mmCIF file of all heavy atoms, coordinates in Angstrom:
data_MODEL
# 
_entry.id   MODEL 
# 
loop_
_atom_site.group_PDB 
_atom_site.id 
_atom_site.type_symbol 
_atom_site.label_atom_id 
_atom_site.label_alt_id 
_atom_site.label_comp_id 
_atom_site.label_asym_id 
_atom_site.label_entity_id 
_atom_site.label_seq_id 
_atom_site.pdbx_PDB_ins_code 
_atom_site.Cartn_x 
_atom_site.Cartn_y 
_atom_site.Cartn_z 
_atom_site.occupancy 
_atom_site.B_iso_or_equiv 
_atom_site.pdbx_formal_charge 
_atom_site.auth_seq_id 
_atom_site.auth_comp_id 
_atom_site.auth_asym_id 
_atom_site.auth_atom_id 
_atom_site.pdbx_PDB_model_num 
ATOM 1   N N   . ASN A 1 1  ? 63.170 -241.306 -39.203 1.00 0.00 ? 1  ASN A N   1 
ATOM 2   C CA  . ASN A 1 1  ? 63.028 -241.290 -37.748 1.00 0.00 ? 1  ASN A CA  1 
ATOM 3   C C   . ASN A 1 1  ? 64.379 -241.094 -37.118 1.00 0.00 ? 1  ASN A C   1 
ATOM 4   O O   . ASN A 1 1  ? 65.382 -241.698 -37.533 1.00 0.00 ? 1  ASN A O   1 
ATOM 5   C CB  . ASN A 1 1  ? 62.434 -242.605 -37.253 1.00 0.00 ? 1  ASN A CB  1 
ATOM 6   C CG  . ASN A 1 1  ? 61.019 -242.818 -37.729 1.00 0.00 ? 1  ASN A CG  1 
ATOM 7   O OD1 . ASN A 1 1  ? 60.180 -241.947 -37.592 1.00 0.00 ? 1  ASN A OD1 1 
ATOM 8   N ND2 . ASN A 1 1  ? 60.758 -244.004 -38.287 1.00 0.00 ? 1  ASN A ND2 1 
ATOM 9   N N   . PHE A 1 2  ? 64.448 -240.236 -36.080 1.00 0.00 ? 2  PHE A N   1 
ATOM 10  C CA  . PHE A 1 2  ? 65.748 -240.005 -35.451 1.00 0.00 ? 2  PHE A CA  1 
ATOM 11  C C   . PHE A 1 2  ? 66.242 -241.269 -34.761 1.00 0.00 ? 2  PHE A C   1 
ATOM 12  O O   . PHE A 1 2  ? 67.408 -241.644 -34.891 1.00 0.00 ? 2  PHE A O   1 
ATOM 13  C CB  . PHE A 1 2  ? 65.681 -238.837 -34.485 1.00 0.00 ? 2  PHE A CB  1 
ATOM 14  C CG  . PHE A 1 2  ? 67.040 -238.415 -33.991 1.00 0.00 ? 2  PHE A CG  1 
ATOM 15  C CD1 . PHE A 1 2  ? 67.831 -237.538 -34.721 1.00 0.00 ? 2  PHE A CD1 1 
ATOM 16  C CD2 . PHE A 1 2  ? 67.569 -238.921 -32.816 1.00 0.00 ? 2  PHE A CD2 1 
ATOM 17  C CE1 . PHE A 1 2  ? 69.103 -237.172 -34.320 1.00 0.00 ? 2  PHE A CE1 1 
ATOM 18  C CE2 . PHE A 1 2  ? 68.831 -238.560 -32.359 1.00 0.00 ? 2  PHE A CE2 1 
ATOM 19  C CZ  . PHE A 1 2  ? 69.599 -237.677 -33.112 1.00 0.00 ? 2  PHE A CZ  1 
ATOM 20  N N   . PHE A 1 3  ? 65.379 -241.915 -34.011 1.00 0.00 ? 3  PHE A N   1 
ATOM 21  C CA  . PHE A 1 3  ? 65.730 -243.146 -33.345 1.00 0.00 ? 3  PHE A CA  1 
ATOM 22  C C   . PHE A 1 3  ? 65.197 -244.320 -34.171 1.00 0.00 ? 3  PHE A C   1 
ATOM 23  O O   . PHE A 1 3  ? 63.995 -244.494 -34.312 1.00 0.00 ? 3  PHE A O   1 
ATOM 24  C CB  . PHE A 1 3  ? 65.185 -243.212 -31.911 1.00 0.00 ? 3  PHE A CB  1 
ATOM 25  C CG  . PHE A 1 3  ? 65.772 -242.156 -31.010 1.00 0.00 ? 3  PHE A CG  1 
ATOM 26  C CD1 . PHE A 1 3  ? 65.046 -241.021 -30.714 1.00 0.00 ? 3  PHE A CD1 1 
ATOM 27  C CD2 . PHE A 1 3  ? 67.035 -242.320 -30.488 1.00 0.00 ? 3  PHE A CD2 1 
ATOM 28  C CE1 . PHE A 1 3  ? 65.602 -240.045 -29.870 1.00 0.00 ? 3  PHE A CE1 1 
ATOM 29  C CE2 . PHE A 1 3  ? 67.595 -241.358 -29.670 1.00 0.00 ? 3  PHE A CE2 1 
ATOM 30  C CZ  . PHE A 1 3  ? 66.871 -240.217 -29.370 1.00 0.00 ? 3  PHE A CZ  1 
ATOM 31  N N   . SER A 1 4  ? 66.114 -245.092 -34.722 1.00 0.00 ? 4  SER A N   1 
ATOM 32  C CA  . SER A 1 4  ? 65.671 -246.145 -35.649 1.00 0.00 ? 4  SER A CA  1 
ATOM 33  C C   . SER A 1 4  ? 66.620 -247.344 -35.558 1.00 0.00 ? 4  SER A C   1 
ATOM 34  O O   . SER A 1 4  ? 67.841 -247.194 -35.490 1.00 0.00 ? 4  SER A O   1 
ATOM 35  C CB  . SER A 1 4  ? 65.657 -245.615 -37.092 1.00 0.00 ? 4  SER A CB  1 
ATOM 36  O OG  . SER A 1 4  ? 66.910 -245.092 -37.456 1.00 0.00 ? 4  SER A OG  1 
ATOM 37  N N   . THR A 1 5  ? 66.025 -248.518 -35.552 1.00 0.00 ? 5  THR A N   1 
ATOM 38  C CA  . THR A 1 5  ? 66.833 -249.746 -35.562 1.00 0.00 ? 5  THR A CA  1 
ATOM 39  C C   . THR A 1 5  ? 67.180 -250.106 -36.988 1.00 0.00 ? 5  THR A C   1 
ATOM 40  O O   . THR A 1 5  ? 66.541 -249.638 -37.942 1.00 0.00 ? 5  THR A O   1 
ATOM 41  C CB  . THR A 1 5  ? 66.043 -250.901 -34.915 1.00 0.00 ? 5  THR A CB  1 
ATOM 42  O OG1 . THR A 1 5  ? 64.865 -251.157 -35.681 1.00 0.00 ? 5  THR A OG1 1 
ATOM 43  C CG2 . THR A 1 5  ? 65.652 -250.578 -33.482 1.00 0.00 ? 5  THR A CG2 1 
ATOM 44  N N   . ALA A 1 6  ? 68.161 -250.951 -37.153 1.00 0.00 ? 6  ALA A N   1 
ATOM 45  C CA  . ALA A 1 6  ? 68.604 -251.347 -38.498 1.00 0.00 ? 6  ALA A CA  1 
ATOM 46  C C   . ALA A 1 6  ? 67.523 -252.114 -39.236 1.00 0.00 ? 6  ALA A C   1 
ATOM 47  O O   . ALA A 1 6  ? 67.392 -252.006 -40.456 1.00 0.00 ? 6  ALA A O   1 
ATOM 48  C CB  . ALA A 1 6  ? 69.874 -252.200 -38.401 1.00 0.00 ? 6  ALA A CB  1 
ATOM 49  N N   . ASN A 1 7  ? 66.732 -252.888 -38.521 1.00 0.00 ? 7  ASN A N   1 
ATOM 50  C CA  . ASN A 1 7  ? 65.737 -253.731 -39.180 1.00 0.00 ? 7  ASN A CA  1 
ATOM 51  C C   . ASN A 1 7  ? 64.452 -252.970 -39.532 1.00 0.00 ? 7  ASN A C   1 
ATOM 52  O O   . ASN A 1 7  ? 63.995 -253.018 -40.689 1.00 0.00 ? 7  ASN A O   1 
ATOM 53  C CB  . ASN A 1 7  ? 65.369 -254.920 -38.277 1.00 0.00 ? 7  ASN A CB  1 
ATOM 54  C CG  . ASN A 1 7  ? 66.539 -255.871 -38.082 1.00 0.00 ? 7  ASN A CG  1 
ATOM 55  O OD1 . ASN A 1 7  ? 67.385 -256.014 -38.974 1.00 0.00 ? 7  ASN A OD1 1 
ATOM 56  N ND2 . ASN A 1 7  ? 66.613 -256.507 -36.918 1.00 0.00 ? 7  ASN A ND2 1 
ATOM 57  N N   . SER A 1 8  ? 63.884 -252.269 -38.585 1.00 0.00 ? 8  SER A N   1 
ATOM 58  C CA  . SER A 1 8  ? 62.588 -251.654 -38.812 1.00 0.00 ? 8  SER A CA  1 
ATOM 59  C C   . SER A 1 8  ? 62.640 -250.202 -39.238 1.00 0.00 ? 8  SER A C   1 
ATOM 60  O O   . SER A 1 8  ? 61.664 -249.676 -39.770 1.00 0.00 ? 8  SER A O   1 
ATOM 61  C CB  . SER A 1 8  ? 61.729 -251.771 -37.543 1.00 0.00 ? 8  SER A CB  1 
ATOM 62  O OG  . SER A 1 8  ? 62.288 -250.997 -36.498 1.00 0.00 ? 8  SER A OG  1 
ATOM 63  N N   . GLY A 1 9  ? 63.758 -249.533 -38.974 1.00 0.00 ? 9  GLY A N   1 
ATOM 64  C CA  . GLY A 1 9  ? 63.839 -248.107 -39.300 1.00 0.00 ? 9  GLY A CA  1 
ATOM 65  C C   . GLY A 1 9  ? 63.100 -247.238 -38.314 1.00 0.00 ? 9  GLY A C   1 
ATOM 66  O O   . GLY A 1 9  ? 62.871 -246.034 -38.557 1.00 0.00 ? 9  GLY A O   1 
ATOM 67  N N   . LYS A 1 10 ? 62.690 -247.803 -37.193 1.00 0.00 ? 10 LYS A N   1 
ATOM 68  C CA  . LYS A 1 10 ? 62.006 -247.037 -36.158 1.00 0.00 ? 10 LYS A CA  1 
ATOM 69  C C   . LYS A 1 10 ? 62.243 -247.697 -34.813 1.00 0.00 ? 10 LYS A C   1 
ATOM 70  O O   . LYS A 1 10 ? 62.875 -248.767 -34.740 1.00 0.00 ? 10 LYS A O   1 
ATOM 71  C CB  . LYS A 1 10 ? 60.496 -246.983 -36.429 1.00 0.00 ? 10 LYS A CB  1 
ATOM 72  C CG  . LYS A 1 10 ? 59.821 -248.319 -36.415 1.00 0.00 ? 10 LYS A CG  1 
ATOM 73  C CD  . LYS A 1 10 ? 58.326 -248.209 -36.730 1.00 0.00 ? 10 LYS A CD  1 
ATOM 74  C CE  . LYS A 1 10 ? 57.677 -249.592 -36.712 1.00 0.00 ? 10 LYS A CE  1 
ATOM 75  N NZ  . LYS A 1 10 ? 56.216 -249.507 -36.979 1.00 0.00 ? 10 LYS A NZ  1 
ATOM 76  N N   . ILE A 1 11 ? 61.749 -247.091 -33.750 1.00 0.00 ? 11 ILE A N   1 
ATOM 77  C CA  . ILE A 1 11 ? 61.813 -247.707 -32.423 1.00 0.00 ? 11 ILE A CA  1 
ATOM 78  C C   . ILE A 1 11 ? 60.429 -247.563 -31.812 1.00 0.00 ? 11 ILE A C   1 
ATOM 79  O O   . ILE A 1 11 ? 59.775 -246.522 -31.913 1.00 0.00 ? 11 ILE A O   1 
ATOM 80  C CB  . ILE A 1 11 ? 62.885 -247.013 -31.539 1.00 0.00 ? 11 ILE A CB  1 
ATOM 81  C CG1 . ILE A 1 11 ? 63.068 -247.755 -30.227 1.00 0.00 ? 11 ILE A CG1 1 
ATOM 82  C CG2 . ILE A 1 11 ? 62.552 -245.560 -31.298 1.00 0.00 ? 11 ILE A CG2 1 
ATOM 83  C CD1 . ILE A 1 11 ? 64.213 -247.235 -29.394 1.00 0.00 ? 11 ILE A CD1 1 
ATOM 84  N N   . THR A 1 12 ? 59.925 -248.658 -31.248 1.00 0.00 ? 12 THR A N   1 
ATOM 85  C CA  . THR A 1 12 ? 58.585 -248.637 -30.643 1.00 0.00 ? 12 THR A CA  1 
ATOM 86  C C   . THR A 1 12 ? 58.699 -248.541 -29.124 1.00 0.00 ? 12 THR A C   1 
ATOM 87  O O   . THR A 1 12 ? 59.734 -248.932 -28.545 1.00 0.00 ? 12 THR A O   1 
ATOM 88  C CB  . THR A 1 12 ? 57.790 -249.898 -31.009 1.00 0.00 ? 12 THR A CB  1 
ATOM 89  O OG1 . THR A 1 12 ? 58.423 -251.043 -30.426 1.00 0.00 ? 12 THR A OG1 1 
ATOM 90  C CG2 . THR A 1 12 ? 57.716 -250.084 -32.520 1.00 0.00 ? 12 THR A CG2 1 
ATOM 91  N N   . HIS A 1 13 ? 57.645 -248.050 -28.494 1.00 0.00 ? 13 HIS A N   1 
ATOM 92  C CA  . HIS A 1 13 ? 57.728 -247.925 -27.045 1.00 0.00 ? 13 HIS A CA  1 
ATOM 93  C C   . HIS A 1 13 ? 57.736 -249.301 -26.386 1.00 0.00 ? 13 HIS A C   1 
ATOM 94  O O   . HIS A 1 13 ? 58.341 -249.460 -25.305 1.00 0.00 ? 13 HIS A O   1 
ATOM 95  C CB  . HIS A 1 13 ? 56.564 -247.073 -26.515 1.00 0.00 ? 13 HIS A CB  1 
ATOM 96  C CG  . HIS A 1 13 ? 55.210 -247.697 -26.622 1.00 0.00 ? 13 HIS A CG  1 
ATOM 97  N ND1 . HIS A 1 13 ? 54.423 -247.613 -27.738 1.00 0.00 ? 13 HIS A ND1 1 
ATOM 98  C CD2 . HIS A 1 13 ? 54.505 -248.434 -25.723 1.00 0.00 ? 13 HIS A CD2 1 
ATOM 99  C CE1 . HIS A 1 13 ? 53.285 -248.259 -27.520 1.00 0.00 ? 13 HIS A CE1 1 
ATOM 100 N NE2 . HIS A 1 13 ? 53.317 -248.776 -26.320 1.00 0.00 ? 13 HIS A NE2 1 
ATOM 101 N N   . GLN A 1 14 ? 57.116 -250.291 -27.032 1.00 0.00 ? 14 GLN A N   1 
ATOM 102 C CA  . GLN A 1 14 ? 57.155 -251.646 -26.463 1.00 0.00 ? 14 GLN A CA  1 
ATOM 103 C C   . GLN A 1 14 ? 58.590 -252.179 -26.437 1.00 0.00 ? 14 GLN A C   1 
ATOM 104 O O   . GLN A 1 14 ? 59.050 -252.714 -25.417 1.00 0.00 ? 14 GLN A O   1 
ATOM 105 C CB  . GLN A 1 14 ? 56.281 -252.592 -27.265 1.00 0.00 ? 14 GLN A CB  1 
ATOM 106 C CG  . GLN A 1 14 ? 54.771 -252.307 -27.184 1.00 0.00 ? 14 GLN A CG  1 
ATOM 107 C CD  . GLN A 1 14 ? 54.313 -251.427 -28.331 1.00 0.00 ? 14 GLN A CD  1 
ATOM 108 O OE1 . GLN A 1 14 ? 55.107 -250.719 -28.940 1.00 0.00 ? 14 GLN A OE1 1 
ATOM 109 N NE2 . GLN A 1 14 ? 53.019 -251.473 -28.597 1.00 0.00 ? 14 GLN A NE2 1 
ATOM 110 N N   . TYR A 1 15 ? 59.290 -252.035 -27.563 1.00 0.00 ? 15 TYR A N   1 
ATOM 111 C CA  . TYR A 1 15 ? 60.663 -252.525 -27.659 1.00 0.00 ? 15 TYR A CA  1 
ATOM 112 C C   . TYR A 1 15 ? 61.564 -251.756 -26.680 1.00 0.00 ? 15 TYR A C   1 
ATOM 113 O O   . TYR A 1 15 ? 62.402 -252.359 -25.972 1.00 0.00 ? 15 TYR A O   1 
ATOM 114 C CB  . TYR A 1 15 ? 61.171 -252.384 -29.086 1.00 0.00 ? 15 TYR A CB  1 
ATOM 115 C CG  . TYR A 1 15 ? 62.628 -252.708 -29.264 1.00 0.00 ? 15 TYR A CG  1 
ATOM 116 C CD1 . TYR A 1 15 ? 63.090 -254.003 -29.096 1.00 0.00 ? 15 TYR A CD1 1 
ATOM 117 C CD2 . TYR A 1 15 ? 63.560 -251.725 -29.586 1.00 0.00 ? 15 TYR A CD2 1 
ATOM 118 C CE1 . TYR A 1 15 ? 64.440 -254.322 -29.249 1.00 0.00 ? 15 TYR A CE1 1 
ATOM 119 C CE2 . TYR A 1 15 ? 64.896 -252.022 -29.747 1.00 0.00 ? 15 TYR A CE2 1 
ATOM 120 C CZ  . TYR A 1 15 ? 65.328 -253.331 -29.588 1.00 0.00 ? 15 TYR A CZ  1 
ATOM 121 O OH  . TYR A 1 15 ? 66.680 -253.619 -29.734 1.00 0.00 ? 15 TYR A OH  1 
ATOM 122 N N   . LEU A 1 16 ? 61.382 -250.460 -26.609 1.00 0.00 ? 16 LEU A N   1 
ATOM 123 C CA  . LEU A 1 16 ? 62.210 -249.641 -25.716 1.00 0.00 ? 16 LEU A CA  1 
ATOM 124 C C   . LEU A 1 16 ? 62.008 -250.058 -24.276 1.00 0.00 ? 16 LEU A C   1 
ATOM 125 O O   . LEU A 1 16 ? 62.983 -250.245 -23.523 1.00 0.00 ? 16 LEU A O   1 
ATOM 126 C CB  . LEU A 1 16 ? 61.875 -248.158 -25.894 1.00 0.00 ? 16 LEU A CB  1 
ATOM 127 C CG  . LEU A 1 16 ? 62.659 -247.182 -25.008 1.00 0.00 ? 16 LEU A CG  1 
ATOM 128 C CD1 . LEU A 1 16 ? 64.150 -247.294 -25.253 1.00 0.00 ? 16 LEU A CD1 1 
ATOM 129 C CD2 . LEU A 1 16 ? 62.189 -245.743 -25.256 1.00 0.00 ? 16 LEU A CD2 1 
ATOM 130 N N   . ASN A 1 17 ? 60.752 -250.247 -23.872 1.00 0.00 ? 17 ASN A N   1 
ATOM 131 C CA  . ASN A 1 17 ? 60.502 -250.618 -22.484 1.00 0.00 ? 17 ASN A CA  1 
ATOM 132 C C   . ASN A 1 17 ? 61.009 -252.016 -22.165 1.00 0.00 ? 17 ASN A C   1 
ATOM 133 O O   . ASN A 1 17 ? 61.488 -252.281 -21.055 1.00 0.00 ? 17 ASN A O   1 
ATOM 134 C CB  . ASN A 1 17 ? 58.994 -250.532 -22.173 1.00 0.00 ? 17 ASN A CB  1 
ATOM 135 C CG  . ASN A 1 17 ? 58.587 -249.113 -21.817 1.00 0.00 ? 17 ASN A CG  1 
ATOM 136 O OD1 . ASN A 1 17 ? 59.315 -248.377 -21.161 1.00 0.00 ? 17 ASN A OD1 1 
ATOM 137 N ND2 . ASN A 1 17 ? 57.385 -248.714 -22.243 1.00 0.00 ? 17 ASN A ND2 1 
ATOM 138 N N   . GLU A 1 18 ? 60.924 -252.936 -23.125 1.00 0.00 ? 18 GLU A N   1 
ATOM 139 C CA  . GLU A 1 18 ? 61.483 -254.277 -22.918 1.00 0.00 ? 18 GLU A CA  1 
ATOM 140 C C   . GLU A 1 18 ? 62.994 -254.205 -22.648 1.00 0.00 ? 18 GLU A C   1 
ATOM 141 O O   . GLU A 1 18 ? 63.524 -254.876 -21.759 1.00 0.00 ? 18 GLU A O   1 
ATOM 142 C CB  . GLU A 1 18 ? 61.221 -255.143 -24.141 1.00 0.00 ? 18 GLU A CB  1 
ATOM 143 C CG  . GLU A 1 18 ? 59.754 -255.587 -24.280 1.00 0.00 ? 18 GLU A CG  1 
ATOM 144 C CD  . GLU A 1 18 ? 59.496 -256.336 -25.568 1.00 0.00 ? 18 GLU A CD  1 
ATOM 145 O OE1 . GLU A 1 18 ? 60.465 -256.528 -26.341 1.00 0.00 ? 18 GLU A OE1 1 
ATOM 146 O OE2 . GLU A 1 18 ? 58.331 -256.689 -25.823 1.00 0.00 ? 18 GLU A OE2 1 
ATOM 147 N N   . CYS A 1 19 ? 63.662 -253.359 -23.431 1.00 0.00 ? 19 CYS A N   1 
ATOM 148 C CA  . CYS A 1 19 ? 65.113 -253.194 -23.242 1.00 0.00 ? 19 CYS A CA  1 
ATOM 149 C C   . CYS A 1 19 ? 65.417 -252.532 -21.889 1.00 0.00 ? 19 CYS A C   1 
ATOM 150 O O   . CYS A 1 19 ? 66.379 -252.925 -21.191 1.00 0.00 ? 19 CYS A O   1 
ATOM 151 C CB  . CYS A 1 19 ? 65.695 -252.342 -24.364 1.00 0.00 ? 19 CYS A CB  1 
ATOM 152 S SG  . CYS A 1 19 ? 65.704 -253.146 -25.993 1.00 0.00 ? 19 CYS A SG  1 
ATOM 153 N N   . ILE A 1 20 ? 64.607 -251.551 -21.513 1.00 0.00 ? 20 ILE A N   1 
ATOM 154 C CA  . ILE A 1 20 ? 64.806 -250.866 -20.240 1.00 0.00 ? 20 ILE A CA  1 
ATOM 155 C C   . ILE A 1 20 ? 64.667 -251.844 -19.094 1.00 0.00 ? 20 ILE A C   1 
ATOM 156 O O   . ILE A 1 20 ? 65.472 -251.829 -18.134 1.00 0.00 ? 20 ILE A O   1 
ATOM 157 C CB  . ILE A 1 20 ? 63.821 -249.679 -20.097 1.00 0.00 ? 20 ILE A CB  1 
ATOM 158 C CG1 . ILE A 1 20 ? 64.203 -248.569 -21.075 1.00 0.00 ? 20 ILE A CG1 1 
ATOM 159 C CG2 . ILE A 1 20 ? 63.824 -249.157 -18.661 1.00 0.00 ? 20 ILE A CG2 1 
ATOM 160 C CD1 . ILE A 1 20 ? 63.217 -247.418 -21.105 1.00 0.00 ? 20 ILE A CD1 1 
ATOM 161 N N   . HIS A 1 21 ? 63.660 -252.730 -19.143 1.00 0.00 ? 21 HIS A N   1 
ATOM 162 C CA  . HIS A 1 21 ? 63.496 -253.743 -18.094 1.00 0.00 ? 21 HIS A CA  1 
ATOM 163 C C   . HIS A 1 21 ? 64.758 -254.598 -17.963 1.00 0.00 ? 21 HIS A C   1 
ATOM 164 O O   . HIS A 1 21 ? 65.224 -254.870 -16.855 1.00 0.00 ? 21 HIS A O   1 
ATOM 165 C CB  . HIS A 1 21 ? 62.306 -254.636 -18.403 1.00 0.00 ? 21 HIS A CB  1 
ATOM 166 C CG  . HIS A 1 21 ? 60.978 -253.930 -18.458 1.00 0.00 ? 21 HIS A CG  1 
ATOM 167 N ND1 . HIS A 1 21 ? 60.706 -252.811 -17.724 1.00 0.00 ? 21 HIS A ND1 1 
ATOM 168 C CD2 . HIS A 1 21 ? 59.843 -254.203 -19.184 1.00 0.00 ? 21 HIS A CD2 1 
ATOM 169 C CE1 . HIS A 1 21 ? 59.483 -252.407 -17.960 1.00 0.00 ? 21 HIS A CE1 1 
ATOM 170 N NE2 . HIS A 1 21 ? 58.938 -253.235 -18.835 1.00 0.00 ? 21 HIS A NE2 1 
ATOM 171 N N   . THR A 1 22 ? 65.275 -255.005 -19.112 1.00 0.00 ? 22 THR A N   1 
ATOM 172 C CA  . THR A 1 22 ? 66.437 -255.883 -19.142 1.00 0.00 ? 22 THR A CA  1 
ATOM 173 C C   . THR A 1 22 ? 67.672 -255.188 -18.542 1.00 0.00 ? 22 THR A C   1 
ATOM 174 O O   . THR A 1 22 ? 68.379 -255.762 -17.695 1.00 0.00 ? 22 THR A O   1 
ATOM 175 C CB  . THR A 1 22 ? 66.759 -256.327 -20.579 1.00 0.00 ? 22 THR A CB  1 
ATOM 176 O OG1 . THR A 1 22 ? 65.633 -257.050 -21.091 1.00 0.00 ? 22 THR A OG1 1 
ATOM 177 C CG2 . THR A 1 22 ? 67.996 -257.205 -20.611 1.00 0.00 ? 22 THR A CG2 1 
ATOM 178 N N   . TYR A 1 23 ? 67.915 -253.965 -18.980 1.00 0.00 ? 23 TYR A N   1 
ATOM 179 C CA  . TYR A 1 23 ? 69.108 -253.245 -18.499 1.00 0.00 ? 23 TYR A CA  1 
ATOM 180 C C   . TYR A 1 23 ? 68.974 -252.804 -17.047 1.00 0.00 ? 23 TYR A C   1 
ATOM 181 O O   . TYR A 1 23 ? 69.967 -252.712 -16.337 1.00 0.00 ? 23 TYR A O   1 
ATOM 182 C CB  . TYR A 1 23 ? 69.394 -252.050 -19.395 1.00 0.00 ? 23 TYR A CB  1 
ATOM 183 C CG  . TYR A 1 23 ? 69.923 -252.429 -20.761 1.00 0.00 ? 23 TYR A CG  1 
ATOM 184 C CD1 . TYR A 1 23 ? 69.236 -252.093 -21.923 1.00 0.00 ? 23 TYR A CD1 1 
ATOM 185 C CD2 . TYR A 1 23 ? 71.089 -253.161 -20.896 1.00 0.00 ? 23 TYR A CD2 1 
ATOM 186 C CE1 . TYR A 1 23 ? 69.712 -252.458 -23.182 1.00 0.00 ? 23 TYR A CE1 1 
ATOM 187 C CE2 . TYR A 1 23 ? 71.576 -253.550 -22.131 1.00 0.00 ? 23 TYR A CE2 1 
ATOM 188 C CZ  . TYR A 1 23 ? 70.878 -253.195 -23.266 1.00 0.00 ? 23 TYR A CZ  1 
ATOM 189 O OH  . TYR A 1 23 ? 71.351 -253.566 -24.496 1.00 0.00 ? 23 TYR A OH  1 
ATOM 190 N N   . ALA A 1 24 ? 67.747 -252.512 -16.603 1.00 0.00 ? 24 ALA A N   1 
ATOM 191 C CA  . ALA A 1 24 ? 67.537 -252.147 -15.198 1.00 0.00 ? 24 ALA A CA  1 
ATOM 192 C C   . ALA A 1 24 ? 67.911 -253.334 -14.294 1.00 0.00 ? 24 ALA A C   1 
ATOM 193 O O   . ALA A 1 24 ? 68.575 -253.158 -13.273 1.00 0.00 ? 24 ALA A O   1 
ATOM 194 C CB  . ALA A 1 24 ? 66.090 -251.756 -14.970 1.00 0.00 ? 24 ALA A CB  1 
ATOM 195 N N   . LYS A 1 25 ? 67.485 -254.527 -14.713 1.00 0.00 ? 25 LYS A N   1 
ATOM 196 C CA  . LYS A 1 25 ? 67.836 -255.717 -13.933 1.00 0.00 ? 25 LYS A CA  1 
ATOM 197 C C   . LYS A 1 25 ? 69.332 -255.942 -13.945 1.00 0.00 ? 25 LYS A C   1 
ATOM 198 O O   . LYS A 1 25 ? 69.935 -256.297 -12.908 1.00 0.00 ? 25 LYS A O   1 
ATOM 199 C CB  . LYS A 1 25 ? 67.100 -256.931 -14.549 1.00 0.00 ? 25 LYS A CB  1 
ATOM 200 C CG  . LYS A 1 25 ? 67.241 -258.199 -13.720 1.00 0.00 ? 25 LYS A CG  1 
ATOM 201 C CD  . LYS A 1 25 ? 66.398 -259.332 -14.305 1.00 0.00 ? 25 LYS A CD  1 
ATOM 202 C CE  . LYS A 1 25 ? 66.507 -260.592 -13.469 1.00 0.00 ? 25 LYS A CE  1 
ATOM 203 N NZ  . LYS A 1 25 ? 65.671 -261.688 -14.038 1.00 0.00 ? 25 LYS A NZ  1 
# 
């Protein structure tokens, strides 16, 4: 996967959106 975390080897839309909420705030 091009976008991948160290732990899972992938990125999910749930995780991405959670991060986006945090950084937007």
